[in-house]
Protein backbone atom coordinates (compact mmCIF):
# COMPACT_ATOMS: atom_id res chain seq x y z
CA MET A 1 -0.18 0.15 0.05
CA ARG A 2 2.92 2.47 0.61
CA GLY A 3 3.78 4.41 -2.07
CA LYS A 4 0.71 4.74 -3.88
CA ALA A 5 -1.72 7.73 -3.67
CA SER A 6 -4.90 5.57 -4.17
CA LEU A 7 -5.90 2.16 -3.38
CA PHE A 8 -8.98 0.66 -5.44
CA PHE A 9 -11.42 -1.81 -4.31
CA ALA A 10 -14.34 -2.73 -6.02
CA VAL A 11 -17.31 -4.26 -4.13
CA VAL A 12 -20.04 -6.31 -6.42
CA ILE A 13 -23.15 -7.30 -4.72
CA LEU A 14 -24.83 -10.21 -6.74
CA ALA A 15 -27.80 -12.30 -6.11
CA SER A 16 -26.06 -15.68 -6.52
CA GLY A 17 -23.49 -14.96 -3.41
CA LEU A 18 -20.03 -13.10 -3.11
CA VAL A 19 -16.34 -14.92 -3.28
CA LEU A 20 -13.06 -12.77 -2.91
CA ALA A 21 -10.60 -13.00 -6.25
CA PRO A 22 -7.65 -10.83 -6.47
CA ARG A 23 -7.32 -8.24 -9.67
CA ALA A 24 -4.43 -5.94 -10.35
CA ALA A 25 -6.05 -2.76 -11.41
CA GLU A 26 -3.63 -0.10 -13.41
CA GLY A 27 -1.04 1.08 -11.23
CA SER A 28 -2.25 -0.97 -7.87
CA PRO A 29 -0.81 -4.70 -7.93
CA ASP A 30 -2.11 -5.53 -4.37
CA ASP A 31 -5.82 -4.49 -5.35
CA LEU A 32 -8.78 -6.62 -4.70
CA ILE A 33 -12.09 -6.81 -6.24
CA VAL A 34 -15.34 -8.67 -4.71
CA ALA A 35 -16.76 -10.59 -7.88
CA ALA A 36 -19.86 -12.61 -8.34
CA ALA A 37 -19.08 -16.28 -7.37
CA PRO A 38 -19.67 -18.73 -10.81
CA PRO A 39 -22.86 -19.72 -11.62
CA VAL A 40 -24.24 -22.69 -10.05
CA PRO A 41 -25.79 -24.96 -12.47
CA PRO A 42 -29.56 -25.82 -11.48
CA PRO A 43 -30.64 -28.75 -10.34
CA PRO A 44 -32.62 -31.06 -12.72
CA GLY A 45 -35.83 -30.47 -13.79
CA GLU A 46 -35.39 -26.59 -12.60
CA ARG A 47 -36.52 -23.96 -15.10
CA LYS A 48 -33.66 -22.08 -16.25
CA LEU A 49 -33.80 -17.88 -15.62
CA ASP A 50 -35.11 -16.57 -18.87
CA ASP A 51 -33.62 -13.13 -20.71
CA ALA A 52 -35.65 -10.71 -18.72
CA THR A 53 -35.07 -12.28 -15.24
CA ILE A 54 -30.91 -11.77 -16.01
CA GLU A 55 -31.45 -8.68 -17.25
CA ARG A 56 -33.07 -7.64 -14.25
CA ILE A 57 -30.32 -9.02 -12.34
CA LEU A 58 -27.62 -7.15 -14.23
CA LYS A 59 -29.29 -4.35 -13.72
CA ILE A 60 -29.52 -4.55 -9.47
CA GLN A 61 -25.83 -5.37 -9.98
CA ASP A 62 -25.15 -2.10 -11.90
CA GLU A 63 -27.23 -0.18 -9.26
CA GLN A 64 -25.36 -1.95 -6.53
CA GLU A 65 -21.89 -1.63 -7.45
CA VAL A 66 -19.74 0.72 -5.22
CA ALA A 67 -16.25 1.79 -5.77
CA VAL A 68 -14.31 2.63 -2.78
CA ARG A 69 -10.85 4.59 -2.85
CA LEU A 70 -8.26 4.75 -0.11
CA VAL A 71 -7.16 8.84 -0.62
CA LEU A 72 -3.62 9.12 1.18
CA LEU A 73 -2.52 12.18 2.48
CA PRO A 74 1.56 12.71 3.44
CA ALA A 75 1.75 15.23 5.85
CA SER A 76 3.91 17.27 8.16
CA VAL A 77 3.43 19.18 11.31
CA GLU A 78 5.19 22.29 12.62
CA ASP A 79 4.60 24.49 15.62
CA LYS A 80 4.46 27.97 15.64
CA ARG A 81 8.12 28.32 15.74
CA GLY A 82 8.65 26.29 12.67
CA ARG A 83 9.80 23.18 14.65
CA VAL A 84 8.91 19.68 13.62
CA VAL A 85 6.13 17.89 15.76
CA THR A 86 6.57 14.53 16.10
CA GLY A 87 4.64 11.78 18.37
CA LEU A 88 1.06 12.92 17.14
CA LYS A 89 -1.58 9.95 16.50
CA ALA A 90 -4.85 10.04 14.42
CA ALA A 91 -7.11 10.86 17.06
CA ASP A 92 -5.06 14.66 17.00
CA PHE A 93 -6.42 15.29 13.53
CA GLN A 94 -9.17 16.41 11.95
CA LEU A 95 -10.17 15.64 8.34
CA SER A 96 -12.68 17.04 5.66
CA ASP A 97 -13.13 16.58 2.03
CA GLU A 98 -14.58 19.29 0.39
CA LYS A 99 -15.82 20.46 3.96
CA VAL A 100 -17.51 17.27 4.84
CA PRO A 101 -16.06 15.61 7.75
CA GLN A 102 -14.36 12.21 7.03
CA GLN A 103 -13.19 9.31 9.42
CA ILE A 104 -9.51 8.93 9.10
CA LYS A 105 -9.13 4.95 8.18
CA TYR A 106 -5.39 4.98 7.74
CA PHE A 107 -2.66 6.63 9.72
CA SER A 108 1.41 5.60 10.28
CA ILE A 109 4.25 7.56 10.74
CA GLU A 110 6.83 8.16 8.13
CA HIS A 111 10.18 8.37 9.44
CA ASN A 112 12.67 5.37 9.05
CA GLU A 113 11.37 5.06 5.03
CA PRO A 114 13.68 6.05 2.25
CA VAL A 115 12.97 8.83 0.09
CA ALA A 116 13.88 9.91 -3.13
CA ILE A 117 14.48 13.43 -3.69
CA ALA A 118 14.80 15.69 -7.03
CA PHE A 119 16.69 18.76 -7.00
CA VAL A 120 15.48 20.79 -9.72
CA LEU A 121 17.89 23.30 -10.52
CA ASP A 122 17.35 26.75 -12.36
CA VAL A 123 20.34 27.47 -14.47
CA SER A 124 19.17 29.99 -16.79
CA GLY A 125 20.83 33.48 -17.28
CA SER A 126 19.30 35.00 -14.25
CA MET A 127 20.78 33.08 -11.82
CA ARG A 128 24.07 33.33 -13.06
CA GLN A 129 24.25 36.87 -11.65
CA SER A 130 25.74 37.85 -8.49
CA GLY A 131 26.95 34.24 -7.63
CA LYS A 132 23.04 32.72 -7.04
CA LEU A 133 23.96 29.62 -9.29
CA GLU A 134 26.99 28.91 -7.08
CA ALA A 135 25.33 29.27 -3.62
CA ALA A 136 22.64 26.78 -4.90
CA LYS A 137 25.23 24.27 -5.89
CA GLU A 138 26.72 24.39 -2.49
CA ALA A 139 23.33 24.13 -0.80
CA ILE A 140 22.64 21.03 -2.79
CA ARG A 141 25.57 19.67 -1.81
CA PHE A 142 25.04 20.31 1.65
CA PHE A 143 21.51 18.70 1.44
CA VAL A 144 23.00 15.43 -0.47
CA ASP A 145 25.40 15.34 2.88
CA GLN A 146 22.88 14.93 5.09
CA LEU A 147 20.59 11.94 3.46
CA ARG A 148 20.92 8.71 4.84
CA PRO A 149 22.52 5.74 2.96
CA GLN A 150 19.01 4.54 1.88
CA ASP A 151 17.88 7.62 0.37
CA ARG A 152 18.17 8.83 -3.34
CA PHE A 153 18.59 12.15 -5.27
CA ALA A 154 18.79 13.37 -8.34
CA LEU A 155 19.17 16.25 -10.69
CA ILE A 156 16.88 18.22 -12.94
CA CYS A 157 17.96 21.74 -14.49
CA PHE A 158 15.85 23.66 -16.74
CA ALA A 159 16.23 26.74 -18.83
CA ASP A 160 14.73 27.98 -22.08
CA GLU A 161 12.61 25.26 -23.20
CA GLN A 162 14.53 22.47 -21.74
CA VAL A 163 13.42 20.37 -18.65
CA ALA A 164 16.19 17.65 -18.33
CA TRP A 165 17.47 15.04 -16.42
CA VAL A 166 21.32 15.41 -15.47
CA THR A 167 21.59 12.43 -13.11
CA GLN A 168 18.77 10.28 -12.38
CA PHE A 169 17.96 8.65 -8.90
CA THR A 170 21.34 7.46 -7.36
CA SER A 171 22.83 7.02 -4.06
CA ASP A 172 26.40 7.84 -5.46
CA ARG A 173 27.32 11.40 -3.87
CA LYS A 174 30.55 11.34 -5.80
CA VAL A 175 29.08 10.72 -9.47
CA PHE A 176 25.77 13.04 -8.42
CA LEU A 177 28.13 16.27 -6.82
CA GLU A 178 30.44 16.06 -10.12
CA ARG A 179 27.59 16.19 -12.79
CA LEU A 180 26.16 19.21 -10.53
CA MET A 181 29.37 21.28 -10.16
CA VAL A 182 29.77 21.56 -13.82
CA GLN A 183 26.34 22.76 -14.75
CA GLU A 184 26.65 26.59 -16.00
CA GLY A 185 24.10 29.41 -16.44
CA TYR A 186 22.62 30.09 -19.77
CA GLY A 187 18.95 31.32 -21.25
CA GLN A 188 16.10 32.35 -20.07
CA THR A 189 13.57 30.93 -17.38
CA ALA A 190 10.52 28.83 -18.32
CA LEU A 191 9.84 28.57 -14.55
CA HIS A 192 5.83 27.67 -15.20
CA ASP A 193 6.72 25.06 -17.67
CA ALA A 194 9.49 23.54 -15.44
CA VAL A 195 7.18 23.08 -12.47
CA ALA A 196 4.24 21.19 -15.01
CA ALA A 197 6.85 19.13 -16.35
CA THR A 198 8.77 18.10 -13.21
CA PRO A 199 6.32 16.07 -11.08
CA LYS A 200 5.42 13.56 -13.38
CA LEU A 201 8.95 12.99 -14.19
CA VAL A 202 9.69 12.18 -10.76
CA ASP A 203 6.95 10.28 -9.83
CA GLU A 204 7.42 7.85 -13.18
CA ALA A 205 11.11 7.32 -12.38
CA SER A 206 11.00 6.37 -8.62
CA THR A 207 8.63 4.78 -6.14
CA GLY A 208 7.77 5.15 -2.65
CA ARG A 209 8.65 8.46 -0.81
CA LYS A 210 9.60 10.99 -3.06
CA ALA A 211 9.41 14.86 -3.03
CA ILE A 212 10.79 17.85 -5.62
CA VAL A 213 13.19 20.70 -4.05
CA LEU A 214 13.11 23.67 -6.59
CA ILE A 215 15.69 26.23 -6.37
CA THR A 216 15.40 29.11 -8.36
CA ASP A 217 15.05 33.03 -8.44
CA GLY A 218 11.63 33.13 -9.28
CA VAL A 219 11.95 34.94 -12.70
CA ASP A 220 9.93 33.47 -15.58
CA ASN A 221 10.24 35.07 -18.81
CA ALA A 222 9.89 32.06 -21.19
CA SER A 223 6.95 30.04 -20.03
CA LYS A 224 4.38 29.00 -22.40
CA LEU A 225 1.84 27.99 -19.75
CA THR A 226 0.72 30.41 -17.07
CA VAL A 227 0.97 29.62 -13.37
CA TYR A 228 -2.57 28.40 -12.65
CA GLU A 229 -1.93 25.90 -15.83
CA ALA A 230 1.36 24.69 -14.09
CA VAL A 231 -0.23 24.00 -10.80
CA LYS A 232 -3.02 22.23 -12.38
CA THR A 233 -0.68 19.98 -14.26
CA ALA A 234 1.64 19.44 -11.07
CA ARG A 235 -1.26 18.40 -8.76
CA HIS A 236 -2.19 15.71 -11.01
CA VAL A 237 1.17 14.13 -9.74
CA GLU A 238 0.93 13.60 -5.90
CA VAL A 239 4.62 14.90 -5.59
CA PRO A 240 5.09 18.15 -2.85
CA ILE A 241 7.16 21.02 -4.11
CA TYR A 242 9.43 22.76 -1.70
CA SER A 243 10.43 25.99 -3.35
CA VAL A 244 13.75 27.99 -2.52
CA GLY A 245 13.52 31.19 -3.71
CA PHE A 246 16.50 33.82 -3.92
CA SER A 247 15.05 37.12 -3.22
CA SER A 248 17.77 39.65 -3.78
CA LEU A 249 21.35 38.39 -2.47
CA PRO A 250 23.06 41.39 -0.46
CA TRP A 251 25.70 42.20 -3.02
CA GLU A 252 22.63 42.21 -6.53
CA GLU A 253 20.90 45.25 -7.07
CA GLN A 254 17.70 45.35 -6.01
CA ARG A 255 14.71 44.47 -7.93
CA LYS A 256 11.28 46.08 -7.93
CA PRO A 257 9.43 45.28 -5.09
CA SER A 258 6.07 44.54 -6.89
CA ASP A 259 8.38 42.05 -9.15
CA LEU A 260 9.82 40.70 -6.25
CA SER A 261 6.23 40.13 -4.35
CA THR A 262 4.87 38.36 -7.63
CA ASN A 263 7.95 35.94 -8.23
CA MET A 264 7.76 34.78 -4.59
CA GLY A 265 4.05 34.66 -4.62
CA VAL A 266 4.09 32.05 -7.57
CA LEU A 267 6.56 29.77 -5.55
CA ARG A 268 4.33 29.93 -2.38
CA LEU A 269 1.69 28.75 -4.72
CA PHE A 270 3.39 25.66 -5.98
CA ALA A 271 4.20 24.63 -2.67
CA ASP A 272 1.12 25.35 -1.45
CA GLU A 273 -0.77 23.11 -3.57
CA THR A 274 1.20 20.25 -3.60
CA GLY A 275 1.64 20.12 0.19
CA GLY A 276 5.75 21.29 0.16
CA ASP A 277 6.84 24.47 1.95
CA THR A 278 8.40 27.60 0.82
CA PHE A 279 11.62 29.33 1.95
CA ILE A 280 12.90 32.91 0.69
CA VAL A 281 16.36 33.20 1.14
CA GLN A 282 18.97 36.17 0.79
CA ASP A 283 22.34 34.99 1.33
CA PRO A 284 23.73 31.47 1.24
CA ASP A 285 23.68 30.80 5.26
CA GLU A 286 19.96 31.24 5.02
CA LEU A 287 19.97 28.72 1.86
CA LYS A 288 21.68 26.03 3.74
CA GLU A 289 19.16 26.80 6.64
CA ALA A 290 16.51 26.30 4.76
CA VAL A 291 17.42 23.05 3.14
CA ASP A 292 18.25 21.54 6.62
CA LYS A 293 14.84 22.32 7.53
CA ILE A 294 13.33 20.59 4.48
CA SER A 295 15.55 17.58 5.15
CA THR A 296 14.35 17.40 8.46
CA SER A 297 10.68 17.78 7.38
CA LEU A 298 11.17 14.98 5.11
CA ARG A 299 12.24 12.82 7.66
CA TYR A 300 9.73 12.91 9.61
CA GLN A 301 5.95 12.91 7.96
CA TYR A 302 2.71 11.38 8.88
CA LEU A 303 0.77 9.36 6.56
CA ILE A 304 -3.15 9.76 6.61
CA GLY A 305 -5.77 7.90 4.56
CA TYR A 306 -9.51 7.81 4.35
CA SER A 307 -12.40 6.97 2.02
CA PRO A 308 -14.39 9.74 0.50
CA GLY A 309 -17.31 7.43 -0.04
CA LEU A 310 -18.08 8.78 -3.77
CA GLU A 311 -20.60 7.00 -5.94
CA ARG A 312 -19.23 8.51 -8.73
CA TRP A 313 -15.58 9.50 -9.48
CA ASP A 314 -16.07 12.39 -12.26
CA GLY A 315 -12.51 13.58 -12.66
CA ARG A 316 -12.98 16.87 -10.81
CA PHE A 317 -10.88 18.42 -8.33
CA ARG A 318 -11.31 17.46 -4.56
CA SER A 319 -10.24 19.90 -1.83
CA VAL A 320 -9.04 18.52 1.24
CA GLN A 321 -8.74 20.36 4.42
CA LEU A 322 -6.79 18.73 7.29
CA GLN A 323 -5.89 20.54 10.73
CA ALA A 324 -4.41 19.92 14.24
CA ARG A 325 -7.20 19.63 16.65
CA ASN A 326 -5.51 22.03 19.36
CA GLY A 327 -5.18 24.48 16.48
CA ARG A 328 -1.37 25.22 17.62
CA TYR A 329 0.10 23.47 14.77
CA LEU A 330 0.58 24.20 11.45
CA VAL A 331 -0.19 21.11 9.06
CA ARG A 332 1.22 20.86 5.39
CA THR A 333 -0.61 18.22 3.00
CA ARG A 334 -1.64 18.65 -0.51
CA LYS A 335 -4.83 21.02 -1.09
CA GLY A 336 -6.75 17.74 -2.70
CA TYR A 337 -6.94 14.96 -5.62
CA TYR A 338 -8.62 14.66 -8.79
CA ALA A 339 -11.37 12.09 -8.41
CA ASN A 340 -10.19 10.22 -11.59
CA PRO A 341 -12.32 7.16 -12.68
């Protein structure tokens, strides 16, 4: 079950009885379907069902079929000082789906599970200015040095219209850092396009717990997608995005406040919608503090599951509200899911 955002079960109620039979739904090898038992031949001399009776039985079956999915929400919890909160139980949370209260049916604490982290690095020309790219490289190196032996990491770089793997997921620090350190800045920034493309790349390349750490100055001057199109695409794939944005380094000429606010607001939107976090930094030391906090948050998460009990999964986006009952803690999780059939 772990590593899948949703599990699928179908319950089919038939007049002839029920029997459990395994079924591997697409993407869910452990799923089961409760299927009708094989038909039993009628005793000698008993009249067979006519076509009209069979049709009525099949119609009842269709009406009584119920689809149940377990929606899983990875969540991290912080206190008002930004410190990770551990030791909570299922009873400490309250959960709603489209503002309808839900019962938590699955709860676990994920602190020993390996995590796969994709560093998504902006290597555009604007990052090359004032040493931002070199500071970002150093912060990634610092992050990788804190990871556990079972964790994996990857590097994706973007500039102009390119969003490309530099290093696939690996535990080989030496190879990863060699490829990281030779990256150079060039071209324009298509931030929205990168955010839209990256989650699917990461999701398809790794199983289990995974996250994206996006490092950029937030300047978008080449995307084909709008910010809202990028968010919509990104939240189809359940991978949290942790955004680290350079505001203005001390030795860099100040941007206009309105431009800065817009750029950082976009990064916050990406993080909030996917269950991640945002860090706005002004110097390399703050950048290291940010990646240290991200590392701590990823090492201790809660996994919370519930069944929304929908009769029809129509593909629409459904909002989710997850809170701590005492109101003193901040819970970070994705804002919702698509009820795909």
